[in-house]
């Protein structure tokens, strides 16, 4: 599951005596015109769309122009960049190498654009941030709205997904920042801020276990279990806790949807395992209870703000990172 949302504000006129240079009448808007050679821009569009025709539609150019740029670049490089399949196109190994280069170049170009805007006093930009769904239900919207009040010219593109999927996007540089749950250690990932976020057993208030002060996994196995999918940080913690025991969980439901897991726990007499931060709104209105789990492995969960190590963040992303990091270090992210 992946969802994307955008929050942005129209930029106001530039302050002071400085003014932007006049632009040609046929130029694309400044926010969309790529600081990349046209051929590379087209290659990236083909990869994202899956075909020349769909890429051309998204670029608002003729398909023949996109195809010509592709063919000329393949001839220049001496390699095929895409496999031509019956139902679309898929990047070859050479194409994947070129796409990684293109996305690095785009990230650096965006950072340069925003640094130049900062020098002009524009203080604006668009930050691409990812988050696990639990954070997106309450904490992240509040953080972004607070930040937006302070930096009205900075907008956001927010992508939702599991921890592994978000880290993959971070490495591909389609995201600048991500808030993930229990990320694995990696030399390529910089943890900018984190806080403890232990897993809890989540259930309806009238569940037979709801009055307990704490639970063990074994206590929950007599009831229907809902687990998050394999690419999530919470599932990794569960698997770690089970690895040293004879316990085996046969979930009734596996899902990458936090909402579905919560609804299962609320309405099916079952138990799900989530961090308390994700279900805080449901607990506050009395729809769910969240009970701490006694296993040490499950207490090691952590919520982390991460970025790709070695990549210089845009000024807008750096400011947002400071804002999110401060919240994670405070009681607000509990």
C-alpha atoms as a PDB file:
ATOM      1  CA  UNK A   1       0.000   0.000   0.000  1.00  0.00           C
ATOM      2  CA  UNK A   2       1.295   3.412  -0.837  1.00  0.00           C
ATOM      3  CA  UNK A   3      -0.567   6.695  -0.644  1.00  0.00           C
ATOM      4  CA  UNK A   4       0.646  10.159  -1.497  1.00  0.00           C
ATOM      5  CA  UNK A   5      -0.641  13.510  -0.286  1.00  0.00           C
ATOM      6  CA  UNK A   6       0.472  17.031  -1.119  1.00  0.00           C
ATOM      7  CA  UNK A   7       0.273  20.173   0.989  1.00  0.00           C
ATOM      8  CA  UNK A   8       1.643  23.307  -0.560  1.00  0.00           C
ATOM      9  CA  UNK A   9       1.114  27.028  -0.685  1.00  0.00           C
ATOM     10  CA  UNK A  10       1.547  29.423  -3.604  1.00  0.00           C
ATOM     11  CA  UNK A  11       4.820  31.333  -3.278  1.00  0.00           C
ATOM     12  CA  UNK A  12       4.461  35.044  -2.510  1.00  0.00           C
ATOM     13  CA  UNK A  13       6.400  37.720  -4.407  1.00  0.00           C
ATOM     14  CA  UNK A  14      10.119  37.859  -3.712  1.00  0.00           C
ATOM     15  CA  UNK A  15      10.965  40.293  -0.910  1.00  0.00           C
ATOM     16  CA  UNK A  16      13.254  43.300  -1.088  1.00  0.00           C
ATOM     17  CA  UNK A  17      14.879  44.812  -4.142  1.00  0.00           C
ATOM     18  CA  UNK A  18      15.912  41.405  -5.538  1.00  0.00           C
ATOM     19  CA  UNK A  19      13.776  40.106  -8.362  1.00  0.00           C
ATOM     20  CA  UNK A  20      13.810  36.857 -10.300  1.00  0.00           C
ATOM     21  CA  UNK A  21      15.312  36.998 -13.791  1.00  0.00           C
ATOM     22  CA  UNK A  22      12.733  37.077 -16.609  1.00  0.00           C
ATOM     23  CA  UNK A  23      11.983  33.677 -18.098  1.00  0.00           C
ATOM     24  CA  UNK A  24      11.172  32.747 -21.708  1.00  0.00           C
ATOM     25  CA  UNK A  25       7.488  32.728 -22.544  1.00  0.00           C
ATOM     26  CA  UNK A  26       7.586  29.031 -23.529  1.00  0.00           C
ATOM     27  CA  UNK A  27       9.393  27.864 -20.373  1.00  0.00           C
ATOM     28  CA  UNK A  28       7.813  25.367 -18.016  1.00  0.00           C
ATOM     29  CA  UNK A  29       6.854  26.632 -14.542  1.00  0.00           C
ATOM     30  CA  UNK A  30       9.885  26.953 -12.291  1.00  0.00           C
ATOM     31  CA  UNK A  31       8.622  24.195 -10.010  1.00  0.00           C
ATOM     32  CA  UNK A  32       8.434  21.639 -12.831  1.00  0.00           C
ATOM     33  CA  UNK A  33      11.220  22.520 -15.261  1.00  0.00           C
ATOM     34  CA  UNK A  34      13.966  19.957 -14.590  1.00  0.00           C
ATOM     35  CA  UNK A  35      17.616  20.939 -14.152  1.00  0.00           C
ATOM     36  CA  UNK A  36      18.459  17.821 -16.163  1.00  0.00           C
ATOM     37  CA  UNK A  37      19.206  17.228 -19.851  1.00  0.00           C
ATOM     38  CA  UNK A  38      15.953  16.558 -21.659  1.00  0.00           C
ATOM     39  CA  UNK A  39      16.936  13.007 -22.612  1.00  0.00           C
ATOM     40  CA  UNK A  40      17.555  12.045 -18.984  1.00  0.00           C
ATOM     41  CA  UNK A  41      14.283  13.650 -17.921  1.00  0.00           C
ATOM     42  CA  UNK A  42      12.479  11.559 -20.550  1.00  0.00           C
ATOM     43  CA  UNK A  43      14.242   8.331 -19.491  1.00  0.00           C
ATOM     44  CA  UNK A  44      13.127   8.832 -15.907  1.00  0.00           C
ATOM     45  CA  UNK A  45       9.565   9.518 -17.073  1.00  0.00           C
ATOM     46  CA  UNK A  46       9.518   6.282 -19.124  1.00  0.00           C
ATOM     47  CA  UNK A  47      10.683   4.281 -16.103  1.00  0.00           C
ATOM     48  CA  UNK A  48       8.021   5.801 -13.851  1.00  0.00           C
ATOM     49  CA  UNK A  49       5.191   5.451 -16.384  1.00  0.00           C
ATOM     50  CA  UNK A  50       6.142   2.045 -17.790  1.00  0.00           C
ATOM     51  CA  UNK A  51       5.820   3.023 -21.458  1.00  0.00           C
ATOM     52  CA  UNK A  52       6.791   5.724 -23.939  1.00  0.00           C
ATOM     53  CA  UNK A  53       3.165   6.626 -24.621  1.00  0.00           C
ATOM     54  CA  UNK A  54       2.217   7.126 -20.976  1.00  0.00           C
ATOM     55  CA  UNK A  55       5.438   9.030 -20.303  1.00  0.00           C
ATOM     56  CA  UNK A  56       4.657  11.350 -23.203  1.00  0.00           C
ATOM     57  CA  UNK A  57       1.141  11.961 -21.869  1.00  0.00           C
ATOM     58  CA  UNK A  58       2.511  12.924 -18.448  1.00  0.00           C
ATOM     59  CA  UNK A  59       5.137  15.175 -20.029  1.00  0.00           C
ATOM     60  CA  UNK A  60       2.620  16.726 -22.453  1.00  0.00           C
ATOM     61  CA  UNK A  61       4.883  16.052 -25.433  1.00  0.00           C
ATOM     62  CA  UNK A  62       4.621  13.847 -28.512  1.00  0.00           C
ATOM     63  CA  UNK A  63       5.402  10.161 -28.005  1.00  0.00           C
ATOM     64  CA  UNK A  64       7.672  10.293 -31.049  1.00  0.00           C
ATOM     65  CA  UNK A  65       9.825  12.937 -29.349  1.00  0.00           C
ATOM     66  CA  UNK A  66      10.223  10.799 -26.221  1.00  0.00           C
ATOM     67  CA  UNK A  67      10.997   7.683 -28.269  1.00  0.00           C
ATOM     68  CA  UNK A  68      13.546   9.575 -30.376  1.00  0.00           C
ATOM     69  CA  UNK A  69      15.404  10.768 -27.268  1.00  0.00           C
ATOM     70  CA  UNK A  70      15.454   7.205 -25.926  1.00  0.00           C
ATOM     71  CA  UNK A  71      16.789   5.702 -29.150  1.00  0.00           C
ATOM     72  CA  UNK A  72      19.448   8.398 -29.556  1.00  0.00           C
ATOM     73  CA  UNK A  73      20.657   7.926 -25.987  1.00  0.00           C
ATOM     74  CA  UNK A  74      20.782   4.126 -26.349  1.00  0.00           C
ATOM     75  CA  UNK A  75      22.824   4.524 -29.534  1.00  0.00           C
ATOM     76  CA  UNK A  76      25.154   7.013 -27.853  1.00  0.00           C
ATOM     77  CA  UNK A  77      25.728   4.755 -24.832  1.00  0.00           C
ATOM     78  CA  UNK A  78      25.829   1.537 -26.844  1.00  0.00           C
ATOM     79  CA  UNK A  79      23.399  -0.310 -24.555  1.00  0.00           C
ATOM     80  CA  UNK A  80      19.679  -0.969 -24.317  1.00  0.00           C
ATOM     81  CA  UNK A  81      18.127   0.957 -21.440  1.00  0.00           C
ATOM     82  CA  UNK A  82      14.713  -0.730 -21.509  1.00  0.00           C
ATOM     83  CA  UNK A  83      13.300  -4.127 -22.337  1.00  0.00           C
ATOM     84  CA  UNK A  84      10.411  -3.758 -24.777  1.00  0.00           C
ATOM     85  CA  UNK A  85       7.716  -6.035 -23.352  1.00  0.00           C
ATOM     86  CA  UNK A  86       4.223  -6.806 -24.715  1.00  0.00           C
ATOM     87  CA  UNK A  87       2.629  -4.716 -21.961  1.00  0.00           C
ATOM     88  CA  UNK A  88       5.141  -1.988 -21.389  1.00  0.00           C
ATOM     89  CA  UNK A  89       8.812  -1.353 -20.788  1.00  0.00           C
ATOM     90  CA  UNK A  90      11.160  -2.393 -17.990  1.00  0.00           C
ATOM     91  CA  UNK A  91      14.586  -0.968 -17.249  1.00  0.00           C
ATOM     92  CA  UNK A  92      17.567  -3.199 -18.035  1.00  0.00           C
ATOM     93  CA  UNK A  93      20.553  -3.451 -15.687  1.00  0.00           C
ATOM     94  CA  UNK A  94      22.148  -0.583 -17.623  1.00  0.00           C
ATOM     95  CA  UNK A  95      18.908   1.350 -17.381  1.00  0.00           C
ATOM     96  CA  UNK A  96      18.764   0.899 -13.612  1.00  0.00           C
ATOM     97  CA  UNK A  97      22.303   2.279 -13.304  1.00  0.00           C
ATOM     98  CA  UNK A  98      21.361   5.302 -15.388  1.00  0.00           C
ATOM     99  CA  UNK A  99      18.130   5.843 -13.416  1.00  0.00           C
ATOM    100  CA  UNK A 100      20.040   5.837 -10.125  1.00  0.00           C
ATOM    101  CA  UNK A 101      22.363   8.480 -11.597  1.00  0.00           C
ATOM    102  CA  UNK A 102      19.418  10.547 -12.855  1.00  0.00           C
ATOM    103  CA  UNK A 103      17.701  10.529  -9.471  1.00  0.00           C
ATOM    104  CA  UNK A 104      20.893  11.516  -7.678  1.00  0.00           C
ATOM    105  CA  UNK A 105      21.323  14.374 -10.123  1.00  0.00           C
ATOM    106  CA  UNK A 106      17.718  15.471  -9.633  1.00  0.00           C
ATOM    107  CA  UNK A 107      18.102  15.437  -5.860  1.00  0.00           C
ATOM    108  CA  UNK A 108      21.267  17.533  -6.075  1.00  0.00           C
ATOM    109  CA  UNK A 109      19.593  19.904  -8.527  1.00  0.00           C
ATOM    110  CA  UNK A 110      16.604  20.371  -6.227  1.00  0.00           C
ATOM    111  CA  UNK A 111      18.924  21.048  -3.304  1.00  0.00           C
ATOM    112  CA  UNK A 112      20.797  23.617  -5.399  1.00  0.00           C
ATOM    113  CA  UNK A 113      17.558  25.296  -6.456  1.00  0.00           C
ATOM    114  CA  UNK A 114      16.404  25.632  -2.883  1.00  0.00           C
ATOM    115  CA  UNK A 115      19.814  26.868  -1.703  1.00  0.00           C
ATOM    116  CA  UNK A 116      19.679  29.550  -4.384  1.00  0.00           C
ATOM    117  CA  UNK A 117      16.159  30.449  -3.307  1.00  0.00           C
ATOM    118  CA  UNK A 118      17.396  30.746   0.261  1.00  0.00           C
ATOM    119  CA  UNK A 119      20.113  33.132  -0.874  1.00  0.00           C
ATOM    120  CA  UNK A 120      17.410  35.244  -2.519  1.00  0.00           C
ATOM    121  CA  UNK A 121      15.424  35.142   0.716  1.00  0.00           C
ATOM    122  CA  UNK A 122      12.664  33.033  -0.830  1.00  0.00           C
ATOM    123  CA  UNK A 123      12.629  30.423   1.962  1.00  0.00           C
ATOM    124  CA  UNK A 124      10.456  28.056   0.002  1.00  0.00           C
ATOM    125  CA  UNK A 125      10.546  24.564  -1.413  1.00  0.00           C
ATOM    126  CA  UNK A 126       8.838  21.190  -1.588  1.00  0.00           C
ATOM    127  CA  UNK A 127       9.949  18.428   0.783  1.00  0.00           C
ATOM    128  CA  UNK A 128       9.399  14.750  -0.041  1.00  0.00           C
ATOM    129  CA  UNK A 129       8.880  12.842   3.209  1.00  0.00           C
ATOM    130  CA  UNK A 130       7.700   9.294   3.881  1.00  0.00           C
ATOM    131  CA  UNK A 131       6.062   7.884   6.990  1.00  0.00           C
ATOM    132  CA  UNK A 132       4.677   4.667   8.363  1.00  0.00           C
ATOM    133  CA  UNK A 133       0.896   4.763   8.521  1.00  0.00           C
ATOM    134  CA  UNK A 134       0.783   4.781  12.318  1.00  0.00           C
ATOM    135  CA  UNK A 135       2.604   8.132  12.384  1.00  0.00           C
ATOM    136  CA  UNK A 136       0.434   9.542   9.615  1.00  0.00           C
ATOM    137  CA  UNK A 137      -2.743   8.996  11.647  1.00  0.00           C
ATOM    138  CA  UNK A 138      -2.006  11.655  14.245  1.00  0.00           C
ATOM    139  CA  UNK A 139       1.519  12.869  14.899  1.00  0.00           C
ATOM    140  CA  UNK A 140       2.670  13.736  11.379  1.00  0.00           C
ATOM    141  CA  UNK A 141      -0.313  15.889  10.306  1.00  0.00           C
ATOM    142  CA  UNK A 142       0.044  17.944  13.490  1.00  0.00           C
ATOM    143  CA  UNK A 143       3.784  18.388  12.922  1.00  0.00           C
ATOM    144  CA  UNK A 144       3.335  19.438   9.302  1.00  0.00           C
ATOM    145  CA  UNK A 145       0.581  21.914  10.116  1.00  0.00           C
ATOM    146  CA  UNK A 146       2.682  23.460  12.895  1.00  0.00           C
ATOM    147  CA  UNK A 147       5.641  23.682  10.539  1.00  0.00           C
ATOM    148  CA  UNK A 148       3.456  25.164   7.801  1.00  0.00           C
ATOM    149  CA  UNK A 149       2.413  27.979  10.133  1.00  0.00           C
ATOM    150  CA  UNK A 150       6.089  28.857  10.602  1.00  0.00           C
ATOM    151  CA  UNK A 151       7.196  28.279   6.992  1.00  0.00           C
ATOM    152  CA  UNK A 152       4.181  28.959   4.799  1.00  0.00           C
ATOM    153  CA  UNK A 153       6.197  28.863   1.558  1.00  0.00           C
ATOM    154  CA  UNK A 154       7.357  25.271   2.110  1.00  0.00           C
ATOM    155  CA  UNK A 155       5.085  22.457   0.924  1.00  0.00           C
ATOM    156  CA  UNK A 156       5.188  18.703   1.417  1.00  0.00           C
ATOM    157  CA  UNK A 157       4.693  15.519  -0.553  1.00  0.00           C
ATOM    158  CA  UNK A 158       3.957  12.707   1.917  1.00  0.00           C
ATOM    159  CA  UNK A 159       4.229   9.014   0.980  1.00  0.00           C
ATOM    160  CA  UNK A 160       2.959   6.217   3.228  1.00  0.00           C
ATOM    161  CA  UNK A 161       4.359   2.706   3.435  1.00  0.00           C
ATOM    162  CA  UNK A 162       6.107   0.080   5.519  1.00  0.00           C
ATOM    163  CA  UNK A 163       9.584   0.634   6.919  1.00  0.00           C
ATOM    164  CA  UNK A 164      11.397  -1.462   4.296  1.00  0.00           C
ATOM    165  CA  UNK A 165       9.537   0.146   1.386  1.00  0.00           C
ATOM    166  CA  UNK A 166      10.231   3.649   2.702  1.00  0.00           C
ATOM    167  CA  UNK A 167      13.938   2.916   3.158  1.00  0.00           C
ATOM    168  CA  UNK A 168      14.020   1.632  -0.409  1.00  0.00           C
ATOM    169  CA  UNK A 169      12.536   4.932  -1.618  1.00  0.00           C
ATOM    170  CA  UNK A 170      15.052   6.817   0.504  1.00  0.00           C
ATOM    171  CA  UNK A 171      17.924   4.966  -1.177  1.00  0.00           C
ATOM    172  CA  UNK A 172      16.401   5.670  -4.604  1.00  0.00           C
ATOM    173  CA  UNK A 173      16.216   9.345  -3.574  1.00  0.00           C
ATOM    174  CA  UNK A 174      12.516   9.611  -4.303  1.00  0.00           C
ATOM    175  CA  UNK A 175      12.244  10.643  -0.629  1.00  0.00           C
ATOM    176  CA  UNK A 176      14.410  13.102   1.295  1.00  0.00           C
ATOM    177  CA  UNK A 177      13.255  12.127   4.787  1.00  0.00           C
ATOM    178  CA  UNK A 178      11.292   9.272   6.325  1.00  0.00           C
ATOM    179  CA  UNK A 179       9.753   8.522   9.705  1.00  0.00           C
ATOM    180  CA  UNK A 180       9.969   4.751  10.133  1.00  0.00           C
ATOM    181  CA  UNK A 181       9.419   2.166  12.845  1.00  0.00           C
ATOM    182  CA  UNK A 182      12.304   0.046  14.085  1.00  0.00           C
ATOM    183  CA  UNK A 183      14.604   0.491  11.043  1.00  0.00           C
ATOM    184  CA  UNK A 184      17.374  -2.107  10.592  1.00  0.00           C
ATOM    185  CA  UNK A 185      20.943  -0.887  11.047  1.00  0.00           C
ATOM    186  CA  UNK A 186      22.459   0.269   7.750  1.00  0.00           C
ATOM    187  CA  UNK A 187      25.597   2.177   6.828  1.00  0.00           C
ATOM    188  CA  UNK A 188      23.541   3.998   4.177  1.00  0.00           C
ATOM    189  CA  UNK A 189      20.915   5.304   6.599  1.00  0.00           C
ATOM    190  CA  UNK A 190      21.455   8.262   8.914  1.00  0.00           C
ATOM    191  CA  UNK A 191      19.237   8.281  12.003  1.00  0.00           C
ATOM    192  CA  UNK A 192      18.615  11.973  12.684  1.00  0.00           C
ATOM    193  CA  UNK A 193      16.422  11.480  15.766  1.00  0.00           C
ATOM    194  CA  UNK A 194      14.604   8.638  17.476  1.00  0.00           C
ATOM    195  CA  UNK A 195      12.590   7.723  20.516  1.00  0.00           C
ATOM    196  CA  UNK A 196      11.480   4.504  22.188  1.00  0.00           C
ATOM    197  CA  UNK A 197       8.152   3.143  20.926  1.00  0.00           C
ATOM    198  CA  UNK A 198       7.480  -0.283  22.419  1.00  0.00           C
ATOM    199  CA  UNK A 199       4.928  -2.620  20.864  1.00  0.00           C
ATOM    200  CA  UNK A 200       1.597  -3.016  22.653  1.00  0.00           C
ATOM    201  CA  UNK A 201      -1.192  -5.548  22.432  1.00  0.00           C
ATOM    202  CA  UNK A 202      -4.175  -3.711  20.958  1.00  0.00           C
ATOM    203  CA  UNK A 203      -7.768  -4.841  21.500  1.00  0.00           C
ATOM    204  CA  UNK A 204     -11.313  -3.683  22.188  1.00  0.00           C
ATOM    205  CA  UNK A 205     -12.112  -2.308  25.670  1.00  0.00           C
ATOM    206  CA  UNK A 206     -14.443  -5.265  26.375  1.00  0.00           C
ATOM    207  CA  UNK A 207     -11.857  -7.903  25.390  1.00  0.00           C
ATOM    208  CA  UNK A 208     -11.157 -10.500  28.138  1.00  0.00           C
ATOM    209  CA  UNK A 209      -7.520  -9.336  28.327  1.00  0.00           C
ATOM    210  CA  UNK A 210      -8.299  -5.620  28.345  1.00  0.00           C
ATOM    211  CA  UNK A 211      -8.014  -5.200  32.109  1.00  0.00           C
ATOM    212  CA  UNK A 212      -4.473  -6.569  32.372  1.00  0.00           C
ATOM    213  CA  UNK A 213      -1.572  -4.257  33.267  1.00  0.00           C
ATOM    214  CA  UNK A 214       0.781  -6.118  30.911  1.00  0.00           C
ATOM    215  CA  UNK A 215       0.727  -9.172  28.662  1.00  0.00           C
ATOM    216  CA  UNK A 216       3.040 -11.710  27.096  1.00  0.00           C
ATOM    217  CA  UNK A 217       2.665 -12.940  23.530  1.00  0.00           C
ATOM    218  CA  UNK A 218       1.595 -16.345  24.840  1.00  0.00           C
ATOM    219  CA  UNK A 219      -1.364 -14.725  26.626  1.00  0.00           C
ATOM    220  CA  UNK A 220      -2.708 -13.459  23.307  1.00  0.00           C
ATOM    221  CA  UNK A 221      -2.522 -16.666  21.263  1.00  0.00           C
ATOM    222  CA  UNK A 222      -5.905 -17.962  22.440  1.00  0.00           C
ATOM    223  CA  UNK A 223      -7.533 -15.139  20.468  1.00  0.00           C
ATOM    224  CA  UNK A 224      -7.591 -14.246  16.757  1.00  0.00           C
ATOM    225  CA  UNK A 225      -4.361 -12.467  15.857  1.00  0.00           C
ATOM    226  CA  UNK A 226      -3.802  -9.737  13.267  1.00  0.00           C
ATOM    227  CA  UNK A 227      -0.225  -9.019  12.167  1.00  0.00           C
ATOM    228  CA  UNK A 228       1.303  -6.403   9.931  1.00  0.00           C
ATOM    229  CA  UNK A 229       3.052  -7.607   6.773  1.00  0.00           C
ATOM    230  CA  UNK A 230       6.667  -8.723   6.541  1.00  0.00           C
ATOM    231  CA  UNK A 231       8.158  -5.416   5.388  1.00  0.00           C
ATOM    232  CA  UNK A 232       7.127  -3.554   8.532  1.00  0.00           C
ATOM    233  CA  UNK A 233       9.202  -2.736  11.586  1.00  0.00           C
ATOM    234  CA  UNK A 234       6.576  -4.101  13.983  1.00  0.00           C
ATOM    235  CA  UNK A 235       6.540  -7.488  12.227  1.00  0.00           C
ATOM    236  CA  UNK A 236      10.342  -7.630  12.452  1.00  0.00           C
ATOM    237  CA  UNK A 237      10.104  -7.143  16.224  1.00  0.00           C
ATOM    238  CA  UNK A 238       7.504  -9.903  16.537  1.00  0.00           C
ATOM    239  CA  UNK A 239       9.664 -12.300  14.516  1.00  0.00           C
ATOM    240  CA  UNK A 240      12.671 -11.462  16.693  1.00  0.00           C
ATOM    241  CA  UNK A 241      10.704 -12.160  19.867  1.00  0.00           C
ATOM    242  CA  UNK A 242       9.492 -15.497  18.483  1.00  0.00           C
ATOM    243  CA  UNK A 243      12.905 -16.621  17.247  1.00  0.00           C
ATOM    244  CA  UNK A 244      14.084 -17.678  20.703  1.00  0.00           C
ATOM    245  CA  UNK A 245      10.891 -19.427  21.774  1.00  0.00           C
ATOM    246  CA  UNK A 246       8.669 -22.327  20.826  1.00  0.00           C
ATOM    247  CA  UNK A 247       5.707 -20.008  20.224  1.00  0.00           C
ATOM    248  CA  UNK A 248       4.203 -19.869  16.769  1.00  0.00           C
ATOM    249  CA  UNK A 249       1.640 -17.311  15.627  1.00  0.00           C
ATOM    250  CA  UNK A 250      -0.855 -18.210  12.917  1.00  0.00           C
ATOM    251  CA  UNK A 251      -2.516 -14.877  12.154  1.00  0.00           C
ATOM    252  CA  UNK A 252      -6.110 -14.706  11.055  1.00  0.00           C
ATOM    253  CA  UNK A 253      -5.265 -11.460   9.269  1.00  0.00           C
ATOM    254  CA  UNK A 254      -2.073 -10.066   7.748  1.00  0.00           C
ATOM    255  CA  UNK A 255      -2.220  -6.572   6.277  1.00  0.00           C
ATOM    256  CA  UNK A 256      -0.062  -3.584   5.414  1.00  0.00           C
ATOM    257  CA  UNK A 257      -2.995  -1.351   6.424  1.00  0.00           C
ATOM    258  CA  UNK A 258      -2.752   0.017   9.950  1.00  0.00           C
ATOM    259  CA  UNK A 259      -6.423   0.997   9.757  1.00  0.00           C
ATOM    260  CA  UNK A 260      -7.482  -2.548   8.898  1.00  0.00           C
ATOM    261  CA  UNK A 261      -5.447  -4.012  11.763  1.00  0.00           C
ATOM    262  CA  UNK A 262      -6.996  -1.534  14.193  1.00  0.00           C
ATOM    263  CA  UNK A 263     -10.537  -2.230  12.974  1.00  0.00           C
ATOM    264  CA  UNK A 264      -9.940  -5.975  13.306  1.00  0.00           C
ATOM    265  CA  UNK A 265      -8.845  -5.519  16.911  1.00  0.00           C
ATOM    266  CA  UNK A 266     -11.785  -3.231  17.677  1.00  0.00           C
ATOM    267  CA  UNK A 267     -14.531  -5.340  16.149  1.00  0.00           C
ATOM    268  CA  UNK A 268     -13.500  -8.998  15.888  1.00  0.00           C
ATOM    269  CA  UNK A 269     -12.534  -9.916  19.431  1.00  0.00           C
ATOM    270  CA  UNK A 270      -8.947 -10.238  18.298  1.00  0.00           C
ATOM    271  CA  UNK A 271      -5.552  -8.809  19.158  1.00  0.00           C
ATOM    272  CA  UNK A 272      -3.141  -6.793  17.051  1.00  0.00           C
ATOM    273  CA  UNK A 273       0.341  -5.561  17.932  1.00  0.00           C
ATOM    274  CA  UNK A 274       1.096  -1.885  17.359  1.00  0.00           C
ATOM    275  CA  UNK A 275       3.048   0.982  18.846  1.00  0.00           C
ATOM    276  CA  UNK A 276       0.999   3.091  21.227  1.00  0.00           C
ATOM    277  CA  UNK A 277       1.541   6.234  19.151  1.00  0.00           C
ATOM    278  CA  UNK A 278      -0.429   4.804  16.231  1.00  0.00           C
ATOM    279  CA  UNK A 279      -3.522   3.892  18.221  1.00  0.00           C
ATOM    280  CA  UNK A 280      -3.440   6.919  20.537  1.00  0.00           C
ATOM    281  CA  UNK A 281      -6.469   8.578  18.833  1.00  0.00           C
ATOM    282  CA  UNK A 282      -8.515   5.348  19.164  1.00  0.00           C
ATOM    283  CA  UNK A 283      -7.473   4.865  22.790  1.00  0.00           C
ATOM    284  CA  UNK A 284      -8.352   8.476  23.588  1.00  0.00           C
ATOM    285  CA  UNK A 285     -11.918   8.056  22.313  1.00  0.00           C
ATOM    286  CA  UNK A 286     -12.373   4.671  24.011  1.00  0.00           C
ATOM    287  CA  UNK A 287     -12.444   2.511  20.875  1.00  0.00           C
ATOM    288  CA  UNK A 288      -9.294   0.516  21.731  1.00  0.00           C
ATOM    289  CA  UNK A 289      -6.965  -0.242  24.608  1.00  0.00           C
ATOM    290  CA  UNK A 290      -3.191  -0.688  24.267  1.00  0.00           C
ATOM    291  CA  UNK A 291      -1.492  -2.947  26.825  1.00  0.00           C
ATOM    292  CA  UNK A 292       2.326  -3.144  27.169  1.00  0.00           C
ATOM    293  CA  UNK A 293       3.996  -6.426  26.201  1.00  0.00           C
ATOM    294  CA  UNK A 294       6.485  -7.943  28.623  1.00  0.00           C
ATOM    295  CA  UNK A 295       8.985  -9.413  26.132  1.00  0.00           C
ATOM    296  CA  UNK A 296      12.212  -7.402  26.062  1.00  0.00           C
ATOM    297  CA  UNK A 297      12.522  -7.676  22.291  1.00  0.00           C
ATOM    298  CA  UNK A 298       9.151  -5.979  21.873  1.00  0.00           C
ATOM    299  CA  UNK A 299      10.179  -3.130  24.170  1.00  0.00           C
ATOM    300  CA  UNK A 300      13.081  -2.271  21.841  1.00  0.00           C
ATOM    301  CA  UNK A 301      10.851  -0.739  19.190  1.00  0.00           C
ATOM    302  CA  UNK A 302      11.815   2.781  18.166  1.00  0.00           C
ATOM    303  CA  UNK A 303      10.411   5.511  15.990  1.00  0.00           C
ATOM    304  CA  UNK A 304      13.131   7.128  13.889  1.00  0.00           C
ATOM    305  CA  UNK A 305      13.567  10.065  11.536  1.00  0.00           C
ATOM    306  CA  UNK A 306      16.024   8.955   8.862  1.00  0.00           C
ATOM    307  CA  UNK A 307      17.740  10.279   5.754  1.00  0.00           C
ATOM    308  CA  UNK A 308      20.155   8.852   3.223  1.00  0.00           C
ATOM    309  CA  UNK A 309      23.677   9.128   4.570  1.00  0.00           C
ATOM    310  CA  UNK A 310      25.966  11.318   2.500  1.00  0.00           C
ATOM    311  CA  UNK A 311      23.180  13.244   0.758  1.00  0.00           C
ATOM    312  CA  UNK A 312      23.017  16.950   1.510  1.00  0.00           C
ATOM    313  CA  UNK A 313      19.386  17.797   2.329  1.00  0.00           C
ATOM    314  CA  UNK A 314      17.729  20.761   0.708  1.00  0.00           C
ATOM    315  CA  UNK A 315      17.372  23.771   3.032  1.00  0.00           C
ATOM    316  CA  UNK A 316      13.624  23.123   3.270  1.00  0.00           C
ATOM    317  CA  UNK A 317      14.184  19.459   4.162  1.00  0.00           C
ATOM    318  CA  UNK A 318      16.816  20.411   6.734  1.00  0.00           C
ATOM    319  CA  UNK A 319      14.397  22.809   8.437  1.00  0.00           C
ATOM    320  CA  UNK A 320      11.621  20.217   8.465  1.00  0.00           C
ATOM    321  CA  UNK A 321      14.039  17.603   9.840  1.00  0.00           C
ATOM    322  CA  UNK A 322      14.906  19.920  12.736  1.00  0.00           C
ATOM    323  CA  UNK A 323      11.205  20.415  13.477  1.00  0.00           C
ATOM    324  CA  UNK A 324      10.385  16.685  13.413  1.00  0.00           C
ATOM    325  CA  UNK A 325      13.513  15.769  15.385  1.00  0.00           C
ATOM    326  CA  UNK A 326      12.578  18.198  18.154  1.00  0.00           C
ATOM    327  CA  UNK A 327       9.125  16.601  18.401  1.00  0.00           C
ATOM    328  CA  UNK A 328      10.553  13.074  18.545  1.00  0.00           C
ATOM    329  CA  UNK A 329      12.859  14.092  21.379  1.00  0.00           C
ATOM    330  CA  UNK A 330       9.987  15.639  23.323  1.00  0.00           C
ATOM    331  CA  UNK A 331       7.019  14.081  25.103  1.00  0.00           C
ATOM    332  CA  UNK A 332       4.860  15.051  22.140  1.00  0.00           C
ATOM    333  CA  UNK A 333       5.757  11.879  20.237  1.00  0.00           C
ATOM    334  CA  UNK A 334       4.763   9.525  23.061  1.00  0.00           C
END
